[in-house]
Amino acid sequence: MNLPNKLTMVRIFIIPFIVIIYFLSETIDQAMANLSLYIMGVLFIVASITDYFDGNIARKRNIVTTFGKFIDPLADKLLVTTTLMLLSNYYYTNLDGIYMWMPFWVVLVVVTRDLIVTSIRLVAMNEGTIVAAKWSGKLKTAFTMLTISYYFFIMPFGGNVISIIGMVMTIIFVLLTIYSAVDYFLKSKHLILKEI
C-alpha cells in the first residue's frame, strides 16, 4: 500500500461522509442545510485533490501498481457519480417555490459514458492495447469537478442569475461528457468493429 494508493483510499473513505452529511442536512433548517452543502463541497474538493496527487506521485516515483490502476478510476467514478446523484436529489426553496438543482438524466449520461469508456478499455486490454486517457476525457473531468464545486458553493446563494449559470455549466459538462464518449469510441472503433 504505497502513498498514491493510500491517497486513493482516502478518496473512497470520504464518499460515505459526504452521503452521511447529505442525509443529515435533510433533517435541519435551510441555513444549516446550506452549511452542510459547504462541508460536502470541502470534502469533495479534498477528495478531488487526492486524485490529482496520487497519479502524479505514482508516475514521478515510478510506483504504478495493478491495484492502483484498478482502484483509482473506480474511486473517481464513485466520487463523481455519488455527488451527482445527491445533487440531483437536492431541492432548494425560495419565495418563488421549490426547485430541483440538477436533473437526474445528467447522472444517467455520466454513468452511460463511464460504462462505454470502461467497456472500450476492457476490449482494448483483451487485445493487448492500452487506451490512454484522451484530452477530451481530461477536459471533461476538470469541468465536471468545476461544475460540482459550483453547485456546492455558489448555488446555495440562490437567484436567477446563479441558477442560469449553473444550468449553462451543466449543459457544457454534459456535452463534454458525450463528446468524450464519442471520442473514445471513434479512436478505438478499429478494435471494437474489426470482426464485423
N, C-alpha and C. Protein backbone atom coordinates (compact mmCIF):
# COMPACT_ATOMS: atom_id res chain seq x y z
N MET A 1 0.85 -1.19 0.00
CA MET A 1 0.00 0.00 0.00
C MET A 1 0.89 1.24 0.00
N ASN A 2 1.27 1.69 -1.20
CA ASN A 2 2.14 2.85 -1.31
C ASN A 2 1.33 4.15 -1.14
N LEU A 3 2.04 5.29 -1.16
CA LEU A 3 1.39 6.58 -0.91
C LEU A 3 0.28 6.89 -1.91
N PRO A 4 0.49 6.73 -3.23
CA PRO A 4 -0.61 7.00 -4.16
C PRO A 4 -1.86 6.17 -3.87
N ASN A 5 -1.67 4.90 -3.56
CA ASN A 5 -2.83 4.05 -3.27
C ASN A 5 -3.51 4.46 -1.96
N LYS A 6 -2.73 4.92 -1.00
CA LYS A 6 -3.32 5.42 0.25
C LYS A 6 -4.17 6.66 -0.01
N LEU A 7 -3.68 7.54 -0.89
CA LEU A 7 -4.44 8.74 -1.24
C LEU A 7 -5.75 8.36 -1.94
N THR A 8 -5.67 7.34 -2.79
CA THR A 8 -6.88 6.87 -3.47
C THR A 8 -7.88 6.32 -2.48
N MET A 9 -7.40 5.56 -1.50
CA MET A 9 -8.29 5.01 -0.47
C MET A 9 -8.91 6.11 0.36
N VAL A 10 -8.15 7.19 0.62
CA VAL A 10 -8.72 8.34 1.33
C VAL A 10 -9.91 8.88 0.55
N ARG A 11 -9.76 8.96 -0.77
CA ARG A 11 -10.85 9.45 -1.62
C ARG A 11 -12.10 8.59 -1.48
N ILE A 12 -11.91 7.29 -1.42
CA ILE A 12 -13.05 6.37 -1.25
C ILE A 12 -13.68 6.53 0.12
N PHE A 13 -12.86 6.68 1.16
CA PHE A 13 -13.38 6.81 2.53
C PHE A 13 -14.13 8.12 2.74
N ILE A 14 -13.82 9.14 1.94
CA ILE A 14 -14.50 10.43 2.06
C ILE A 14 -15.95 10.32 1.57
N ILE A 15 -16.20 9.46 0.59
CA ILE A 15 -17.53 9.38 -0.03
C ILE A 15 -18.64 9.11 0.98
N PRO A 16 -18.51 8.11 1.88
CA PRO A 16 -19.59 7.88 2.86
C PRO A 16 -19.87 9.09 3.74
N PHE A 17 -18.84 9.87 4.07
CA PHE A 17 -19.05 11.05 4.90
C PHE A 17 -19.88 12.11 4.15
N ILE A 18 -19.63 12.24 2.84
CA ILE A 18 -20.44 13.15 2.04
C ILE A 18 -21.91 12.72 2.06
N VAL A 19 -22.13 11.42 1.92
CA VAL A 19 -23.50 10.88 1.92
C VAL A 19 -24.17 11.10 3.28
N ILE A 20 -23.44 10.83 4.34
CA ILE A 20 -24.00 10.99 5.70
C ILE A 20 -24.39 12.44 5.95
N ILE A 21 -23.51 13.37 5.58
CA ILE A 21 -23.81 14.79 5.77
C ILE A 21 -25.02 15.20 4.95
N TYR A 22 -25.14 14.64 3.76
CA TYR A 22 -26.31 14.95 2.92
C TYR A 22 -27.61 14.54 3.61
N PHE A 23 -27.65 13.33 4.14
CA PHE A 23 -28.88 12.86 4.78
C PHE A 23 -29.15 13.61 6.08
N LEU A 24 -28.11 14.00 6.79
CA LEU A 24 -28.30 14.81 7.99
C LEU A 24 -28.87 16.19 7.63
N SER A 25 -28.46 16.72 6.48
CA SER A 25 -28.91 18.05 6.06
C SER A 25 -30.41 18.09 5.80
N GLU A 26 -31.01 16.92 5.51
CA GLU A 26 -32.45 16.88 5.23
C GLU A 26 -33.29 17.02 6.49
N THR A 27 -32.65 16.93 7.66
CA THR A 27 -33.40 16.97 8.92
C THR A 27 -33.25 18.31 9.64
N ILE A 28 -32.56 19.26 9.01
CA ILE A 28 -32.31 20.55 9.67
C ILE A 28 -32.84 21.69 8.83
N ASP A 29 -32.79 22.90 9.36
CA ASP A 29 -33.36 24.05 8.65
C ASP A 29 -32.48 24.45 7.47
N GLN A 30 -33.01 25.38 6.66
CA GLN A 30 -32.36 25.74 5.40
C GLN A 30 -30.97 26.32 5.60
N ALA A 31 -30.80 27.16 6.63
CA ALA A 31 -29.48 27.77 6.86
C ALA A 31 -28.44 26.70 7.17
N MET A 32 -28.79 25.75 8.01
CA MET A 32 -27.86 24.68 8.35
C MET A 32 -27.66 23.74 7.16
N ALA A 33 -28.71 23.59 6.35
CA ALA A 33 -28.60 22.75 5.15
C ALA A 33 -27.57 23.34 4.20
N ASN A 34 -27.56 24.68 4.06
CA ASN A 34 -26.56 25.33 3.22
C ASN A 34 -25.16 25.12 3.78
N LEU A 35 -25.02 25.18 5.10
CA LEU A 35 -23.72 24.92 5.73
C LEU A 35 -23.28 23.49 5.42
N SER A 36 -24.23 22.56 5.46
CA SER A 36 -23.92 21.17 5.14
C SER A 36 -23.40 21.04 3.71
N LEU A 37 -24.00 21.81 2.79
CA LEU A 37 -23.53 21.79 1.41
C LEU A 37 -22.08 22.26 1.31
N TYR A 38 -21.73 23.30 2.06
CA TYR A 38 -20.35 23.80 2.04
C TYR A 38 -19.39 22.73 2.58
N ILE A 39 -19.80 22.04 3.63
CA ILE A 39 -18.95 20.98 4.19
C ILE A 39 -18.79 19.86 3.17
N MET A 40 -19.89 19.48 2.52
CA MET A 40 -19.81 18.46 1.48
C MET A 40 -18.90 18.91 0.35
N GLY A 41 -18.98 20.20 0.02
CA GLY A 41 -18.13 20.74 -1.03
C GLY A 41 -16.65 20.68 -0.68
N VAL A 42 -16.34 21.01 0.57
CA VAL A 42 -14.93 20.94 1.04
C VAL A 42 -14.43 19.51 0.95
N LEU A 43 -15.25 18.56 1.40
CA LEU A 43 -14.86 17.14 1.33
C LEU A 43 -14.66 16.72 -0.13
N PHE A 44 -15.54 17.19 -1.01
CA PHE A 44 -15.43 16.85 -2.43
C PHE A 44 -14.12 17.39 -3.01
N ILE A 45 -13.77 18.62 -2.67
CA ILE A 45 -12.53 19.22 -3.18
C ILE A 45 -11.31 18.48 -2.64
N VAL A 46 -11.34 18.15 -1.34
CA VAL A 46 -10.22 17.38 -0.76
C VAL A 46 -10.06 16.06 -1.50
N ALA A 47 -11.18 15.37 -1.76
CA ALA A 47 -11.13 14.10 -2.49
C ALA A 47 -10.59 14.31 -3.90
N SER A 48 -11.00 15.39 -4.55
CA SER A 48 -10.53 15.68 -5.91
C SER A 48 -9.03 15.97 -5.93
N ILE A 49 -8.54 16.64 -4.90
CA ILE A 49 -7.10 16.94 -4.80
C ILE A 49 -6.29 15.65 -4.67
N THR A 50 -6.82 14.69 -3.90
CA THR A 50 -6.09 13.41 -3.79
C THR A 50 -6.00 12.73 -5.15
N ASP A 51 -7.02 12.93 -5.99
CA ASP A 51 -6.99 12.35 -7.34
C ASP A 51 -5.85 12.94 -8.16
N TYR A 52 -5.63 14.24 -7.99
CA TYR A 52 -4.53 14.89 -8.72
C TYR A 52 -3.18 14.38 -8.26
N PHE A 53 -3.00 14.30 -6.94
CA PHE A 53 -1.68 13.97 -6.40
C PHE A 53 -1.34 12.49 -6.53
N ASP A 54 -2.33 11.58 -6.39
CA ASP A 54 -1.97 10.16 -6.42
C ASP A 54 -1.39 9.75 -7.77
N GLY A 55 -1.97 10.26 -8.85
CA GLY A 55 -1.44 9.93 -10.18
C GLY A 55 -0.07 10.52 -10.41
N ASN A 56 0.13 11.79 -10.02
CA ASN A 56 1.42 12.45 -10.21
C ASN A 56 2.52 11.76 -9.42
N ILE A 57 2.23 11.43 -8.17
CA ILE A 57 3.24 10.78 -7.32
C ILE A 57 3.60 9.41 -7.87
N ALA A 58 2.57 8.66 -8.31
CA ALA A 58 2.81 7.31 -8.84
C ALA A 58 3.72 7.35 -10.07
N ARG A 59 3.47 8.33 -10.95
CA ARG A 59 4.29 8.42 -12.17
C ARG A 59 5.69 8.92 -11.87
N LYS A 60 5.81 9.93 -11.02
CA LYS A 60 7.13 10.51 -10.73
C LYS A 60 8.03 9.54 -9.99
N ARG A 61 7.45 8.74 -9.09
CA ARG A 61 8.24 7.79 -8.31
C ARG A 61 8.27 6.40 -8.96
N ASN A 62 7.59 6.29 -10.10
CA ASN A 62 7.54 5.02 -10.83
C ASN A 62 7.03 3.88 -9.93
N ILE A 63 5.92 4.16 -9.25
CA ILE A 63 5.33 3.14 -8.37
C ILE A 63 3.89 2.87 -8.78
N VAL A 64 3.67 2.81 -10.09
CA VAL A 64 2.35 2.46 -10.61
C VAL A 64 2.12 0.97 -10.36
N THR A 65 1.01 0.63 -9.73
CA THR A 65 0.71 -0.76 -9.40
C THR A 65 -0.59 -1.21 -10.08
N THR A 66 -0.77 -2.52 -10.16
CA THR A 66 -2.01 -3.06 -10.73
C THR A 66 -3.20 -2.65 -9.88
N PHE A 67 -3.03 -2.69 -8.55
CA PHE A 67 -4.09 -2.27 -7.65
C PHE A 67 -4.45 -0.81 -7.89
N GLY A 68 -3.43 0.03 -8.09
CA GLY A 68 -3.66 1.44 -8.36
C GLY A 68 -4.42 1.66 -9.65
N LYS A 69 -4.07 0.89 -10.68
CA LYS A 69 -4.76 1.01 -11.97
C LYS A 69 -6.23 0.63 -11.83
N PHE A 70 -6.52 -0.28 -10.91
CA PHE A 70 -7.90 -0.73 -10.69
C PHE A 70 -8.67 0.26 -9.82
N ILE A 71 -8.07 0.65 -8.69
CA ILE A 71 -8.82 1.40 -7.68
C ILE A 71 -8.95 2.88 -8.02
N ASP A 72 -7.97 3.47 -8.72
CA ASP A 72 -8.00 4.91 -9.00
C ASP A 72 -9.20 5.31 -9.86
N PRO A 73 -9.40 4.70 -11.03
CA PRO A 73 -10.59 5.10 -11.82
C PRO A 73 -11.90 4.74 -11.13
N LEU A 74 -11.89 3.65 -10.35
CA LEU A 74 -13.10 3.27 -9.62
C LEU A 74 -13.44 4.35 -8.59
N ALA A 75 -12.43 4.83 -7.87
CA ALA A 75 -12.64 5.88 -6.87
C ALA A 75 -13.18 7.15 -7.52
N ASP A 76 -12.64 7.51 -8.69
CA ASP A 76 -13.10 8.70 -9.41
C ASP A 76 -14.58 8.58 -9.76
N LYS A 77 -14.94 7.43 -10.32
CA LYS A 77 -16.33 7.23 -10.75
C LYS A 77 -17.29 7.21 -9.57
N LEU A 78 -16.87 6.59 -8.47
CA LEU A 78 -17.71 6.55 -7.27
C LEU A 78 -17.93 7.96 -6.71
N LEU A 79 -16.87 8.75 -6.68
CA LEU A 79 -16.96 10.11 -6.14
C LEU A 79 -17.89 10.97 -6.98
N VAL A 80 -17.66 10.99 -8.28
CA VAL A 80 -18.45 11.85 -9.17
C VAL A 80 -19.90 11.39 -9.24
N THR A 81 -20.11 10.09 -9.43
CA THR A 81 -21.48 9.58 -9.55
C THR A 81 -22.27 9.80 -8.27
N THR A 82 -21.65 9.56 -7.12
CA THR A 82 -22.33 9.75 -5.85
C THR A 82 -22.73 11.20 -5.64
N THR A 83 -21.81 12.12 -5.87
CA THR A 83 -22.12 13.54 -5.65
C THR A 83 -23.18 14.03 -6.63
N LEU A 84 -23.12 13.57 -7.88
CA LEU A 84 -24.14 13.97 -8.85
C LEU A 84 -25.51 13.43 -8.46
N MET A 85 -25.56 12.19 -7.96
CA MET A 85 -26.83 11.62 -7.53
C MET A 85 -27.41 12.43 -6.36
N LEU A 86 -26.57 12.82 -5.43
CA LEU A 86 -27.04 13.61 -4.29
C LEU A 86 -27.54 14.98 -4.75
N LEU A 87 -26.80 15.60 -5.65
CA LEU A 87 -27.21 16.92 -6.15
C LEU A 87 -28.50 16.83 -6.95
N SER A 88 -28.69 15.73 -7.68
CA SER A 88 -29.90 15.59 -8.48
C SER A 88 -31.12 15.35 -7.60
N ASN A 89 -30.89 14.97 -6.36
CA ASN A 89 -31.99 14.72 -5.42
C ASN A 89 -32.17 15.87 -4.43
N TYR A 90 -31.41 16.95 -4.65
CA TYR A 90 -31.44 18.07 -3.70
C TYR A 90 -32.39 19.15 -4.20
N TYR A 91 -33.17 19.67 -3.30
CA TYR A 91 -34.12 20.74 -3.62
C TYR A 91 -33.80 21.97 -2.78
N TYR A 92 -34.06 23.13 -3.34
CA TYR A 92 -33.94 24.33 -2.54
C TYR A 92 -35.23 25.15 -2.67
N THR A 93 -35.49 25.93 -1.68
CA THR A 93 -36.74 26.70 -1.68
C THR A 93 -36.43 28.19 -1.59
N ASN A 94 -37.28 28.96 -2.24
CA ASN A 94 -37.25 30.41 -2.06
C ASN A 94 -38.69 30.92 -2.19
N LEU A 95 -38.85 32.22 -2.31
CA LEU A 95 -40.20 32.78 -2.35
C LEU A 95 -40.99 32.34 -3.57
N ASP A 96 -40.27 31.94 -4.64
CA ASP A 96 -40.95 31.55 -5.87
C ASP A 96 -41.37 30.08 -5.89
N GLY A 97 -40.88 29.29 -4.95
CA GLY A 97 -41.27 27.88 -4.94
C GLY A 97 -40.11 26.97 -4.63
N ILE A 98 -40.26 25.72 -5.04
CA ILE A 98 -39.26 24.68 -4.79
C ILE A 98 -38.62 24.29 -6.12
N TYR A 99 -37.31 24.21 -6.16
CA TYR A 99 -36.60 23.93 -7.39
C TYR A 99 -35.63 22.77 -7.20
N MET A 100 -35.52 21.94 -8.23
CA MET A 100 -34.52 20.87 -8.21
C MET A 100 -33.27 21.40 -8.90
N TRP A 101 -32.12 21.10 -8.33
CA TRP A 101 -30.88 21.65 -8.88
C TRP A 101 -30.46 21.01 -10.18
N MET A 102 -30.13 19.75 -10.12
CA MET A 102 -29.56 19.08 -11.28
C MET A 102 -30.47 17.94 -11.74
N PRO A 103 -30.89 17.95 -13.01
CA PRO A 103 -31.79 16.89 -13.49
C PRO A 103 -31.13 15.51 -13.36
N PHE A 104 -31.95 14.50 -13.05
CA PHE A 104 -31.40 13.17 -12.83
C PHE A 104 -30.82 12.57 -14.11
N TRP A 105 -31.33 13.01 -15.27
CA TRP A 105 -30.82 12.46 -16.52
C TRP A 105 -29.33 12.78 -16.72
N VAL A 106 -28.85 13.82 -16.03
CA VAL A 106 -27.41 14.14 -16.10
C VAL A 106 -26.61 12.98 -15.53
N VAL A 107 -27.08 12.41 -14.43
CA VAL A 107 -26.42 11.25 -13.81
C VAL A 107 -26.42 10.08 -14.79
N LEU A 108 -27.53 9.87 -15.48
CA LEU A 108 -27.63 8.77 -16.44
C LEU A 108 -26.62 8.94 -17.58
N VAL A 109 -26.45 10.17 -18.05
CA VAL A 109 -25.47 10.44 -19.11
C VAL A 109 -24.07 10.10 -18.64
N VAL A 110 -23.73 10.51 -17.42
CA VAL A 110 -22.40 10.26 -16.87
C VAL A 110 -22.15 8.77 -16.71
N VAL A 111 -23.12 8.06 -16.14
CA VAL A 111 -22.97 6.61 -15.92
C VAL A 111 -22.85 5.89 -17.26
N THR A 112 -23.66 6.29 -18.24
CA THR A 112 -23.58 5.67 -19.57
C THR A 112 -22.22 5.89 -20.20
N ARG A 113 -21.70 7.11 -20.11
CA ARG A 113 -20.37 7.41 -20.66
C ARG A 113 -19.30 6.56 -20.00
N ASP A 114 -19.38 6.43 -18.67
CA ASP A 114 -18.38 5.64 -17.95
C ASP A 114 -18.44 4.17 -18.34
N LEU A 115 -19.64 3.65 -18.55
CA LEU A 115 -19.79 2.25 -18.99
C LEU A 115 -19.20 2.05 -20.37
N ILE A 116 -19.43 3.01 -21.26
CA ILE A 116 -18.90 2.91 -22.62
C ILE A 116 -17.38 2.92 -22.60
N VAL A 117 -16.79 3.88 -21.88
CA VAL A 117 -15.33 4.01 -21.84
C VAL A 117 -14.70 2.79 -21.17
N THR A 118 -15.30 2.32 -20.07
CA THR A 118 -14.77 1.14 -19.38
C THR A 118 -14.83 -0.08 -20.29
N SER A 119 -15.92 -0.24 -21.03
CA SER A 119 -16.05 -1.37 -21.96
C SER A 119 -14.99 -1.30 -23.05
N ILE A 120 -14.77 -0.10 -23.57
CA ILE A 120 -13.74 0.08 -24.61
C ILE A 120 -12.36 -0.30 -24.07
N ARG A 121 -12.07 0.12 -22.85
CA ARG A 121 -10.77 -0.21 -22.25
C ARG A 121 -10.62 -1.70 -22.02
N LEU A 122 -11.70 -2.37 -21.64
CA LEU A 122 -11.64 -3.82 -21.45
C LEU A 122 -11.38 -4.54 -22.76
N VAL A 123 -12.06 -4.10 -23.83
CA VAL A 123 -11.82 -4.69 -25.15
C VAL A 123 -10.38 -4.46 -25.58
N ALA A 124 -9.89 -3.24 -25.40
CA ALA A 124 -8.52 -2.91 -25.78
C ALA A 124 -7.52 -3.73 -24.98
N MET A 125 -7.78 -3.90 -23.69
CA MET A 125 -6.89 -4.69 -22.84
C MET A 125 -6.84 -6.14 -23.32
N ASN A 126 -8.00 -6.65 -23.73
CA ASN A 126 -8.07 -8.02 -24.23
C ASN A 126 -7.26 -8.18 -25.52
N GLU A 127 -7.14 -7.07 -26.25
CA GLU A 127 -6.37 -7.09 -27.50
C GLU A 127 -4.90 -6.71 -27.27
N GLY A 128 -4.53 -6.53 -26.01
CA GLY A 128 -3.15 -6.19 -25.70
C GLY A 128 -2.81 -4.74 -25.94
N THR A 129 -3.84 -3.87 -25.95
CA THR A 129 -3.64 -2.45 -26.20
C THR A 129 -4.07 -1.65 -24.97
N ILE A 130 -3.29 -0.64 -24.63
CA ILE A 130 -3.64 0.24 -23.53
C ILE A 130 -4.27 1.50 -24.10
N VAL A 131 -5.50 1.81 -23.67
CA VAL A 131 -6.17 3.03 -24.11
C VAL A 131 -5.85 4.12 -23.10
N ALA A 132 -4.99 5.04 -23.51
CA ALA A 132 -4.60 6.13 -22.62
C ALA A 132 -5.74 7.14 -22.49
N ALA A 133 -5.70 7.90 -21.42
CA ALA A 133 -6.70 8.94 -21.21
C ALA A 133 -6.61 9.97 -22.33
N LYS A 134 -7.73 10.31 -22.92
CA LYS A 134 -7.78 11.30 -24.00
C LYS A 134 -7.87 12.70 -23.41
N TRP A 135 -7.47 13.68 -24.22
CA TRP A 135 -7.58 15.06 -23.74
C TRP A 135 -9.03 15.43 -23.48
N SER A 136 -9.95 14.84 -24.27
CA SER A 136 -11.37 15.13 -24.07
C SER A 136 -11.84 14.62 -22.71
N GLY A 137 -11.30 13.46 -22.31
CA GLY A 137 -11.65 12.90 -21.01
C GLY A 137 -11.11 13.76 -19.87
N LYS A 138 -9.89 14.26 -20.05
CA LYS A 138 -9.30 15.11 -19.01
C LYS A 138 -10.04 16.44 -18.89
N LEU A 139 -10.43 17.00 -20.05
CA LEU A 139 -11.20 18.25 -20.04
C LEU A 139 -12.56 18.02 -19.40
N LYS A 140 -13.18 16.90 -19.72
CA LYS A 140 -14.48 16.56 -19.13
C LYS A 140 -14.37 16.44 -17.62
N THR A 141 -13.32 15.77 -17.16
CA THR A 141 -13.12 15.59 -15.72
C THR A 141 -12.93 16.93 -15.01
N ALA A 142 -12.10 17.78 -15.59
CA ALA A 142 -11.83 19.09 -14.97
C ALA A 142 -13.11 19.92 -14.88
N PHE A 143 -13.90 19.93 -15.97
CA PHE A 143 -15.11 20.75 -15.96
C PHE A 143 -16.18 20.13 -15.06
N THR A 144 -16.17 18.80 -14.95
CA THR A 144 -17.09 18.14 -14.03
C THR A 144 -16.82 18.58 -12.60
N MET A 145 -15.55 18.57 -12.20
CA MET A 145 -15.17 18.99 -10.85
C MET A 145 -15.55 20.45 -10.62
N LEU A 146 -15.34 21.29 -11.62
CA LEU A 146 -15.69 22.71 -11.51
C LEU A 146 -17.19 22.89 -11.33
N THR A 147 -17.98 22.16 -12.12
CA THR A 147 -19.44 22.27 -12.07
C THR A 147 -19.98 21.80 -10.72
N ILE A 148 -19.50 20.66 -10.25
CA ILE A 148 -19.95 20.14 -8.96
C ILE A 148 -19.59 21.11 -7.84
N SER A 149 -18.39 21.69 -7.89
CA SER A 149 -17.96 22.66 -6.88
C SER A 149 -18.87 23.90 -6.91
N TYR A 150 -19.26 24.32 -8.11
CA TYR A 150 -20.17 25.46 -8.25
C TYR A 150 -21.49 25.17 -7.56
N TYR A 151 -21.99 23.96 -7.74
CA TYR A 151 -23.27 23.58 -7.12
C TYR A 151 -23.16 23.57 -5.60
N PHE A 152 -22.04 23.14 -5.08
CA PHE A 152 -21.86 23.08 -3.63
C PHE A 152 -21.69 24.48 -3.01
N PHE A 153 -20.91 25.35 -3.66
CA PHE A 153 -20.52 26.60 -3.02
C PHE A 153 -21.29 27.83 -3.49
N ILE A 154 -21.75 27.85 -4.73
CA ILE A 154 -22.41 29.05 -5.28
C ILE A 154 -23.92 28.92 -5.32
N MET A 155 -24.43 27.77 -5.73
CA MET A 155 -25.87 27.59 -5.87
C MET A 155 -26.66 27.87 -4.59
N PRO A 156 -26.13 27.59 -3.39
CA PRO A 156 -26.91 27.89 -2.18
C PRO A 156 -27.30 29.36 -2.03
N PHE A 157 -26.58 30.27 -2.70
CA PHE A 157 -26.94 31.68 -2.61
C PHE A 157 -28.27 31.97 -3.33
N GLY A 158 -28.63 31.11 -4.29
CA GLY A 158 -29.90 31.27 -4.98
C GLY A 158 -29.89 32.43 -5.95
N GLY A 159 -31.04 32.68 -6.57
CA GLY A 159 -31.15 33.77 -7.54
C GLY A 159 -31.15 33.25 -8.96
N ASN A 160 -31.83 34.00 -9.84
CA ASN A 160 -31.98 33.56 -11.22
C ASN A 160 -30.65 33.49 -11.96
N VAL A 161 -29.79 34.49 -11.76
CA VAL A 161 -28.52 34.52 -12.48
C VAL A 161 -27.66 33.32 -12.09
N ILE A 162 -27.57 33.05 -10.79
CA ILE A 162 -26.78 31.92 -10.31
C ILE A 162 -27.34 30.61 -10.86
N SER A 163 -28.67 30.49 -10.88
CA SER A 163 -29.30 29.28 -11.40
C SER A 163 -29.03 29.10 -12.89
N ILE A 164 -29.09 30.19 -13.65
CA ILE A 164 -28.85 30.13 -15.10
C ILE A 164 -27.41 29.73 -15.36
N ILE A 165 -26.47 30.32 -14.61
CA ILE A 165 -25.06 29.95 -14.79
C ILE A 165 -24.86 28.46 -14.48
N GLY A 166 -25.51 28.00 -13.41
CA GLY A 166 -25.43 26.57 -13.07
C GLY A 166 -25.97 25.70 -14.18
N MET A 167 -27.08 26.14 -14.79
CA MET A 167 -27.68 25.38 -15.88
C MET A 167 -26.75 25.33 -17.09
N VAL A 168 -26.13 26.48 -17.41
CA VAL A 168 -25.21 26.55 -18.55
C VAL A 168 -24.01 25.64 -18.30
N MET A 169 -23.46 25.69 -17.09
CA MET A 169 -22.32 24.85 -16.76
C MET A 169 -22.69 23.37 -16.86
N THR A 170 -23.90 23.04 -16.43
CA THR A 170 -24.36 21.65 -16.51
C THR A 170 -24.47 21.20 -17.96
N ILE A 171 -25.00 22.06 -18.81
CA ILE A 171 -25.14 21.73 -20.24
C ILE A 171 -23.76 21.51 -20.87
N ILE A 172 -22.81 22.41 -20.57
CA ILE A 172 -21.45 22.26 -21.11
C ILE A 172 -20.82 20.96 -20.62
N PHE A 173 -20.99 20.68 -19.34
CA PHE A 173 -20.44 19.48 -18.74
C PHE A 173 -21.03 18.21 -19.39
N VAL A 174 -22.34 18.24 -19.67
CA VAL A 174 -22.99 17.10 -20.32
C VAL A 174 -22.47 16.93 -21.75
N LEU A 175 -22.34 18.04 -22.48
CA LEU A 175 -21.84 17.98 -23.86
C LEU A 175 -20.41 17.44 -23.89
N LEU A 176 -19.58 17.88 -22.95
CA LEU A 176 -18.21 17.37 -22.87
C LEU A 176 -18.20 15.88 -22.54
N THR A 177 -19.13 15.46 -21.70
CA THR A 177 -19.23 14.05 -21.34
C THR A 177 -19.59 13.20 -22.55
N ILE A 178 -20.57 13.67 -23.33
CA ILE A 178 -20.97 12.95 -24.54
C ILE A 178 -19.84 12.94 -25.56
N TYR A 179 -19.20 14.11 -25.75
CA TYR A 179 -18.09 14.18 -26.71
C TYR A 179 -16.96 13.25 -26.32
N SER A 180 -16.67 13.16 -25.04
CA SER A 180 -15.61 12.29 -24.55
C SER A 180 -15.90 10.83 -24.90
N ALA A 181 -17.17 10.41 -24.71
CA ALA A 181 -17.55 9.02 -25.04
C ALA A 181 -17.40 8.76 -26.53
N VAL A 182 -17.84 9.71 -27.35
CA VAL A 182 -17.74 9.57 -28.81
C VAL A 182 -16.27 9.53 -29.23
N ASP A 183 -15.45 10.39 -28.61
CA ASP A 183 -14.02 10.45 -28.92
C ASP A 183 -13.34 9.11 -28.63
N TYR A 184 -13.63 8.54 -27.46
CA TYR A 184 -13.06 7.24 -27.11
C TYR A 184 -13.49 6.17 -28.11
N PHE A 185 -14.78 6.20 -28.48
CA PHE A 185 -15.28 5.18 -29.41
C PHE A 185 -14.63 5.30 -30.79
N LEU A 186 -14.58 6.51 -31.34
CA LEU A 186 -14.04 6.70 -32.68
C LEU A 186 -12.56 6.32 -32.75
N LYS A 187 -11.81 6.60 -31.69
CA LYS A 187 -10.38 6.29 -31.70
C LYS A 187 -10.09 4.83 -31.37
N SER A 188 -11.15 4.08 -31.00
CA SER A 188 -10.95 2.66 -30.67
C SER A 188 -11.84 1.75 -31.51
N LYS A 189 -12.55 2.34 -32.49
CA LYS A 189 -13.52 1.53 -33.24
C LYS A 189 -12.85 0.43 -34.06
N HIS A 190 -11.56 0.62 -34.42
CA HIS A 190 -10.87 -0.41 -35.18
C HIS A 190 -10.70 -1.68 -34.35
N LEU A 191 -10.69 -1.54 -33.02
CA LEU A 191 -10.62 -2.71 -32.16
C LEU A 191 -12.01 -3.32 -31.95
N ILE A 192 -13.01 -2.46 -31.81
CA ILE A 192 -14.35 -2.93 -31.49
C ILE A 192 -15.03 -3.56 -32.70
N LEU A 193 -14.78 -2.99 -33.88
CA LEU A 193 -15.52 -3.40 -35.08
C LEU A 193 -14.71 -4.28 -36.02
N LYS A 194 -13.53 -4.73 -35.59
CA LYS A 194 -12.64 -5.38 -36.55
C LYS A 194 -13.17 -6.72 -37.05
N GLU A 195 -14.06 -7.40 -36.28
CA GLU A 195 -14.56 -8.70 -36.70
C GLU A 195 -15.96 -8.65 -37.27
N ILE A 196 -16.49 -7.44 -37.48
CA ILE A 196 -17.83 -7.33 -38.06
C ILE A 196 -17.73 -7.45 -39.58
